[in-house]
Amino acid sequence: MKAFIILLLLNCLSFAHTQDIRGEWWRYNSNTESHDYLFIDENLNFILRISNPEEEEVYEGSLKVILGQRYYTEIAYKDDIIFGELTYRSWDSSVNFRLFISNNYYIGNFYRDIRFPSPPGPPNDYYDRTFAFLPTPGMFGMQYNILNGTEDEGFFTIDIYSLNLIHIYSNTYFNVIPAKYFYNIGNNRHEMSFLNAEIFWDALSLRDRRRARDIPQEVMLGPSISYNWLYLRDFDSFDFNRYDFRAGIKLILLFNLALNAEAGYINSSGNNGFYLNLSLGNMVPLILPFAFWWEYL
């Protein structure tokens, strides 16, 4: 059980690291052909200046940390309370700021330098680079396997971090998970795999080839192929004959938290079958209080 808690804490550490968002940020406003301005001081107090055709709007408030890369704010403005959210986007070193104003909302991506829109051109001209590197915190979830010739299996899983290489134009994701933990609910067996790779393609990007520029999208759907190998059984010995190959359809929802749903074909060490996987991100820090139960485990 202590080994299990260690895994949870390792996963939490990936969330605990905060990004340095202090300083000046700019966003190009196409409505006024000028730039909105955001300044965040040492105490996470901010000033947001939005350029409008009539007059400039100024919002002041303080950011509160939700997770390592997410913040929220409440602003008293004109006898109203405005709620906002700021997210640090590691793949392009920008921040995404959202303000929910009455029945409308403001959303924009701010950068450290002043940028202007690219001139029109062939589709490839819309992309400043071919690939983007996007490391993300780990996830946890449930997996259920229905296999031929053996009993069905149910697992509680934890991904220890995820390293993602994204081909921007096609929205193809190449993911590597350094370590993945499995708890077999049926036989209470603990397993870890140390070779975990996945290829996922967002088929929804076909609706507009340029949508890949603002990766990741809030809703993604497409085929996924993954492979797990190099299993450690019960934290005791490696099983080099154990492997899992999966080919299915994955749905990814990215809003205030990440939700993955996946189903398809599985080959588990030679046994064919069907699998269902549900996983959730951005909630693991809530498990941190369990660390205080260490002496009672």
Protein backbone atom coordinates (compact mmCIF):
# COMPACT_ATOMS: atom_id res chain seq x y z
CA MET A 1 0.00 0.00 0.00
CA LYS A 2 2.88 2.38 0.72
CA ALA A 3 4.19 1.80 -2.81
CA PHE A 4 0.74 2.71 -4.12
CA ILE A 5 0.76 5.99 -2.16
CA ILE A 6 4.23 6.78 -3.51
CA LEU A 7 2.87 6.46 -7.04
CA LEU A 8 0.04 8.84 -6.26
CA LEU A 9 2.45 11.39 -4.80
CA LEU A 10 4.69 11.14 -7.87
CA ASN A 11 1.69 11.91 -10.00
CA CYS A 12 0.81 14.87 -7.77
CA LEU A 13 4.28 16.34 -8.15
CA SER A 14 3.67 16.82 -11.86
CA PHE A 15 0.78 19.17 -10.93
CA ALA A 16 2.55 20.93 -8.09
CA HIS A 17 5.14 22.64 -10.30
CA THR A 18 3.86 26.13 -11.06
CA GLN A 19 4.85 28.16 -14.10
CA ASP A 20 6.27 31.68 -13.85
CA ILE A 21 3.47 33.79 -15.34
CA ARG A 22 4.62 37.11 -13.83
CA GLY A 23 5.41 40.02 -16.10
CA GLU A 24 3.98 41.57 -19.27
CA TRP A 25 1.84 39.84 -21.90
CA TRP A 26 0.28 41.02 -25.17
CA ARG A 27 -2.54 39.79 -27.42
CA TYR A 28 -3.40 41.07 -30.89
CA ASN A 29 -7.01 42.29 -31.03
CA SER A 30 -8.32 41.98 -34.59
CA ASN A 31 -11.37 44.17 -33.82
CA THR A 32 -9.24 47.24 -33.13
CA GLU A 33 -6.03 46.13 -34.92
CA SER A 34 -4.13 46.90 -31.72
CA HIS A 35 -2.96 44.91 -28.72
CA ASP A 36 -4.61 44.00 -25.42
CA TYR A 37 -2.23 44.21 -22.47
CA LEU A 38 -1.87 41.98 -19.38
CA PHE A 39 0.48 42.57 -16.47
CA ILE A 40 0.91 40.14 -13.54
CA ASP A 41 3.01 41.19 -10.54
CA GLU A 42 4.96 39.19 -7.95
CA ASN A 43 1.83 38.54 -5.84
CA LEU A 44 -0.25 37.41 -8.85
CA ASN A 45 -2.22 40.66 -8.92
CA PHE A 46 -3.02 41.60 -12.51
CA ILE A 47 -4.15 44.47 -14.73
CA LEU A 48 -5.90 43.59 -18.01
CA ARG A 49 -6.41 46.35 -20.59
CA ILE A 50 -8.75 45.44 -23.46
CA SER A 51 -8.77 47.75 -26.47
CA ASN A 52 -12.25 48.58 -27.79
CA PRO A 53 -13.39 50.88 -30.62
CA GLU A 54 -15.23 53.11 -28.12
CA GLU A 55 -12.96 53.10 -25.06
CA GLU A 56 -10.40 50.94 -23.34
CA GLU A 57 -11.71 48.54 -20.68
CA VAL A 58 -9.53 47.96 -17.62
CA TYR A 59 -9.92 45.00 -15.23
CA GLU A 60 -7.92 44.53 -12.03
CA GLY A 61 -7.87 41.50 -9.77
CA SER A 62 -5.85 38.75 -8.13
CA LEU A 63 -5.17 35.24 -9.44
CA LYS A 64 -5.61 32.16 -7.25
CA VAL A 65 -3.88 28.89 -8.08
CA ILE A 66 -6.12 25.97 -9.03
CA LEU A 67 -3.30 23.69 -10.22
CA GLY A 68 0.23 24.16 -11.44
CA GLN A 69 -0.89 25.68 -14.75
CA ARG A 70 -4.41 26.93 -13.94
CA TYR A 71 -5.61 30.00 -12.03
CA TYR A 72 -8.96 31.62 -11.33
CA THR A 73 -10.10 35.12 -10.38
CA GLU A 74 -13.17 37.06 -9.25
CA ILE A 75 -13.39 40.74 -10.19
CA ALA A 76 -15.79 43.34 -8.82
CA TYR A 77 -16.69 45.43 -11.87
CA LYS A 78 -19.59 47.88 -12.29
CA ASP A 79 -21.72 46.39 -9.49
CA ASP A 80 -21.16 42.92 -10.86
CA ILE A 81 -18.86 39.97 -10.12
CA ILE A 82 -16.85 38.75 -13.10
CA PHE A 83 -15.34 35.27 -13.00
CA GLY A 84 -12.19 34.47 -14.93
CA GLU A 85 -9.72 31.69 -15.60
CA LEU A 86 -6.10 31.77 -16.75
CA THR A 87 -4.26 28.73 -18.12
CA TYR A 88 -0.57 28.52 -18.95
CA ARG A 89 -0.04 26.78 -22.33
CA SER A 90 3.34 25.05 -22.19
CA TRP A 91 3.39 24.07 -25.88
CA ASP A 92 3.77 27.69 -27.04
CA SER A 93 4.65 29.48 -23.74
CA SER A 94 1.49 31.60 -23.78
CA VAL A 95 -1.37 32.18 -21.34
CA ASN A 96 -5.05 31.81 -22.16
CA PHE A 97 -7.28 34.31 -20.32
CA ARG A 98 -11.07 33.95 -20.11
CA LEU A 99 -13.48 36.39 -18.50
CA PHE A 100 -17.19 35.58 -18.18
CA ILE A 101 -18.94 38.94 -18.46
CA SER A 102 -22.75 38.76 -18.02
CA ASN A 103 -24.05 36.76 -21.00
CA ASN A 104 -20.84 37.17 -22.94
CA TYR A 105 -17.22 36.24 -22.42
CA TYR A 106 -13.74 37.42 -23.38
CA ILE A 107 -11.08 34.93 -24.43
CA GLY A 108 -7.57 35.48 -25.72
CA ASN A 109 -4.08 34.01 -25.89
CA PHE A 110 -1.35 36.33 -24.60
CA TYR A 111 2.36 36.12 -25.44
CA ARG A 112 5.53 37.56 -23.92
CA ASP A 113 6.25 39.56 -27.08
CA ILE A 114 4.12 41.74 -29.36
CA ARG A 115 2.89 39.69 -32.30
CA PHE A 116 0.95 40.45 -35.45
CA PRO A 117 -1.17 38.06 -37.55
CA SER A 118 0.56 36.21 -40.38
CA PRO A 119 -0.31 37.28 -43.94
CA PRO A 120 -2.57 34.97 -45.96
CA GLY A 121 -0.86 32.23 -47.90
CA PRO A 122 -0.83 28.50 -48.64
CA PRO A 123 -2.10 26.28 -45.79
CA ASN A 124 1.42 25.42 -44.60
CA ASP A 125 2.15 29.14 -44.07
CA TYR A 126 -0.26 29.16 -41.15
CA TYR A 127 2.14 27.17 -39.00
CA ASP A 128 5.31 28.58 -37.51
CA ARG A 129 6.70 25.10 -36.87
CA THR A 130 6.03 21.50 -37.80
CA PHE A 131 6.05 19.92 -34.34
CA ALA A 132 5.21 21.03 -30.80
CA PHE A 133 6.31 19.38 -27.55
CA LEU A 134 3.58 19.22 -24.89
CA PRO A 135 4.39 17.52 -21.59
CA THR A 136 1.25 17.03 -19.51
CA PRO A 137 0.58 15.84 -15.94
CA GLY A 138 -0.42 12.25 -15.35
CA MET A 139 -3.97 10.92 -15.38
CA PHE A 140 -5.84 8.24 -13.48
CA GLY A 141 -8.81 6.11 -14.44
CA MET A 142 -10.39 2.71 -14.99
CA GLN A 143 -9.85 0.11 -17.70
CA TYR A 144 -12.00 -2.96 -18.35
CA ASN A 145 -10.89 -5.82 -20.63
CA ILE A 146 -13.23 -8.47 -22.06
CA LEU A 147 -10.89 -11.21 -23.30
CA ASN A 148 -11.39 -14.54 -25.08
CA GLY A 149 -10.16 -17.62 -23.22
CA THR A 150 -9.64 -15.88 -19.89
CA GLU A 151 -11.55 -13.99 -17.23
CA ASP A 152 -12.51 -10.36 -17.72
CA GLU A 153 -10.15 -7.88 -16.10
CA GLY A 154 -10.76 -4.57 -14.35
CA PHE A 155 -7.92 -2.17 -13.58
CA PHE A 156 -7.40 1.08 -11.74
CA THR A 157 -4.63 2.92 -13.63
CA ILE A 158 -2.28 5.84 -13.03
CA ASP A 159 -0.14 7.48 -15.72
CA ILE A 160 3.06 8.98 -14.31
CA TYR A 161 3.40 12.05 -16.53
CA SER A 162 2.98 12.10 -20.33
CA LEU A 163 5.40 13.34 -22.98
CA ASN A 164 3.57 14.37 -26.17
CA LEU A 165 5.01 15.28 -29.54
CA ILE A 166 2.37 16.86 -31.79
CA HIS A 167 2.51 17.21 -35.57
CA ILE A 168 0.70 20.54 -35.72
CA TYR A 169 -0.65 20.51 -39.27
CA SER A 170 -2.21 17.03 -39.10
CA ASN A 171 -2.99 17.13 -35.34
CA THR A 172 -1.30 13.77 -34.81
CA TYR A 173 -0.15 13.06 -31.24
CA PHE A 174 2.82 10.81 -30.41
CA ASN A 175 2.65 10.09 -26.67
CA VAL A 176 5.17 8.40 -24.37
CA ILE A 177 4.33 7.63 -20.72
CA PRO A 178 7.50 6.92 -18.67
CA ALA A 179 5.65 4.70 -16.18
CA LYS A 180 2.09 3.39 -15.93
CA TYR A 181 0.59 1.72 -12.87
CA PHE A 182 -2.14 -0.98 -12.95
CA TYR A 183 -4.08 -2.32 -9.98
CA ASN A 184 -5.98 -5.49 -10.89
CA ILE A 185 -9.25 -5.25 -8.97
CA GLY A 186 -10.01 -8.98 -9.39
CA ASN A 187 -6.83 -10.50 -7.95
CA ASN A 188 -5.34 -7.50 -6.07
CA ARG A 189 -2.20 -7.64 -8.22
CA HIS A 190 -0.01 -4.57 -8.72
CA GLU A 191 1.73 -4.01 -12.07
CA MET A 192 3.79 -1.28 -13.69
CA SER A 193 4.78 -0.96 -17.34
CA PHE A 194 7.78 1.12 -18.37
CA LEU A 195 7.43 1.11 -22.16
CA ASN A 196 4.20 2.89 -23.05
CA ALA A 197 3.64 4.52 -26.43
CA GLU A 198 0.56 5.82 -28.26
CA ILE A 199 -0.33 7.42 -31.59
CA PHE A 200 -3.56 9.43 -31.73
CA TRP A 201 -5.02 11.43 -34.62
CA ASP A 202 -7.67 14.10 -34.11
CA ALA A 203 -10.03 13.40 -37.03
CA LEU A 204 -12.11 16.48 -36.19
CA SER A 205 -9.24 18.63 -37.47
CA LEU A 206 -10.39 17.77 -41.01
CA ARG A 207 -13.21 20.29 -40.59
CA ASP A 208 -10.67 23.09 -40.76
CA ARG A 209 -6.99 22.42 -41.33
CA ARG A 210 -6.07 25.66 -39.54
CA ARG A 211 -7.72 24.65 -36.26
CA ALA A 212 -4.55 22.71 -35.37
CA ARG A 213 -2.76 26.03 -34.84
CA ASP A 214 -4.54 26.52 -31.52
CA ILE A 215 -3.79 23.05 -30.14
CA PRO A 216 -5.05 21.38 -28.13
CA GLN A 217 -8.73 21.67 -29.04
CA GLU A 218 -11.42 21.38 -26.37
CA VAL A 219 -12.98 18.36 -28.10
CA MET A 220 -10.93 15.78 -30.01
CA LEU A 221 -12.04 12.47 -31.53
CA GLY A 222 -10.14 9.95 -33.60
CA PRO A 223 -8.31 6.61 -33.89
CA SER A 224 -5.73 5.61 -31.32
CA ILE A 225 -3.08 2.86 -31.27
CA SER A 226 -1.11 2.11 -28.08
CA TYR A 227 1.37 -0.45 -26.77
CA ASN A 228 2.46 -1.35 -23.22
CA TRP A 229 5.43 -3.58 -22.41
CA LEU A 230 8.15 -4.20 -19.81
CA TYR A 231 5.82 -5.05 -16.92
CA LEU A 232 6.92 -5.19 -13.29
CA ARG A 233 4.67 -7.56 -11.31
CA ASP A 234 3.89 -6.80 -7.67
CA PHE A 235 7.01 -4.57 -7.48
CA ASP A 236 9.03 -7.79 -7.45
CA SER A 237 10.04 -9.15 -10.88
CA PHE A 238 9.75 -8.23 -14.56
CA ASP A 239 7.54 -10.19 -16.94
CA PHE A 240 9.03 -9.83 -20.41
CA ASN A 241 6.26 -11.91 -22.02
CA ARG A 242 3.48 -9.58 -20.85
CA TYR A 243 2.27 -6.94 -23.32
CA ASP A 244 -0.90 -5.06 -24.33
CA PHE A 245 -1.70 -3.81 -27.83
CA ARG A 246 -4.79 -1.63 -28.30
CA ALA A 247 -6.45 -0.12 -31.35
CA GLY A 248 -9.59 1.91 -30.80
CA ILE A 249 -11.44 5.21 -30.94
CA LYS A 250 -10.64 7.90 -28.36
CA LEU A 251 -12.69 10.92 -27.28
CA ILE A 252 -10.84 13.70 -25.44
CA LEU A 253 -12.59 16.58 -23.66
CA LEU A 254 -10.40 19.45 -22.44
CA PHE A 255 -12.30 21.97 -20.35
CA ASN A 256 -11.60 22.67 -16.66
CA LEU A 257 -10.23 19.14 -16.48
CA ALA A 258 -9.19 16.49 -19.01
CA LEU A 259 -11.51 13.54 -19.67
CA ASN A 260 -10.57 10.64 -21.97
CA ALA A 261 -12.95 7.89 -23.12
CA GLU A 262 -11.63 5.10 -25.32
CA ALA A 263 -12.89 1.75 -26.62
CA GLY A 264 -11.74 -0.82 -29.17
CA TYR A 265 -9.73 -3.99 -29.82
CA ILE A 266 -7.08 -5.32 -27.42
CA ASN A 267 -4.47 -8.07 -27.68
CA SER A 268 -3.26 -8.85 -24.17
CA SER A 269 -0.31 -11.27 -24.32
CA GLY A 270 -1.96 -13.20 -27.17
CA ASN A 271 -5.56 -13.02 -25.88
CA ASN A 272 -7.89 -11.05 -28.14
CA GLY A 273 -10.80 -9.04 -26.84
CA PHE A 274 -12.49 -5.68 -26.29
CA TYR A 275 -11.48 -2.89 -23.92
CA LEU A 276 -13.07 0.22 -22.41
CA ASN A 277 -10.98 2.96 -20.81
CA LEU A 278 -12.07 6.06 -18.88
CA SER A 279 -9.44 8.41 -17.45
CA LEU A 280 -9.43 11.79 -15.75
CA GLY A 281 -6.78 14.45 -15.24
CA ASN A 282 -6.28 17.59 -13.14
CA MET A 283 -7.90 16.09 -10.03
CA VAL A 284 -5.07 14.03 -8.52
CA PRO A 285 -3.88 16.75 -6.08
CA LEU A 286 -7.07 16.10 -4.14
CA ILE A 287 -5.49 12.79 -3.12
CA LEU A 288 -2.58 14.54 -1.36
CA PRO A 289 -4.27 14.45 2.08
CA PHE A 290 -4.02 10.66 1.99
CA ALA A 291 -0.28 11.09 2.50
CA PHE A 292 -0.99 11.91 6.15
CA TRP A 293 -2.41 8.40 6.59
CA TRP A 294 1.06 6.96 5.94
CA GLU A 295 1.60 5.67 9.51
CA TYR A 296 -1.74 3.86 9.51
CA LEU A 297 -1.18 1.84 6.30
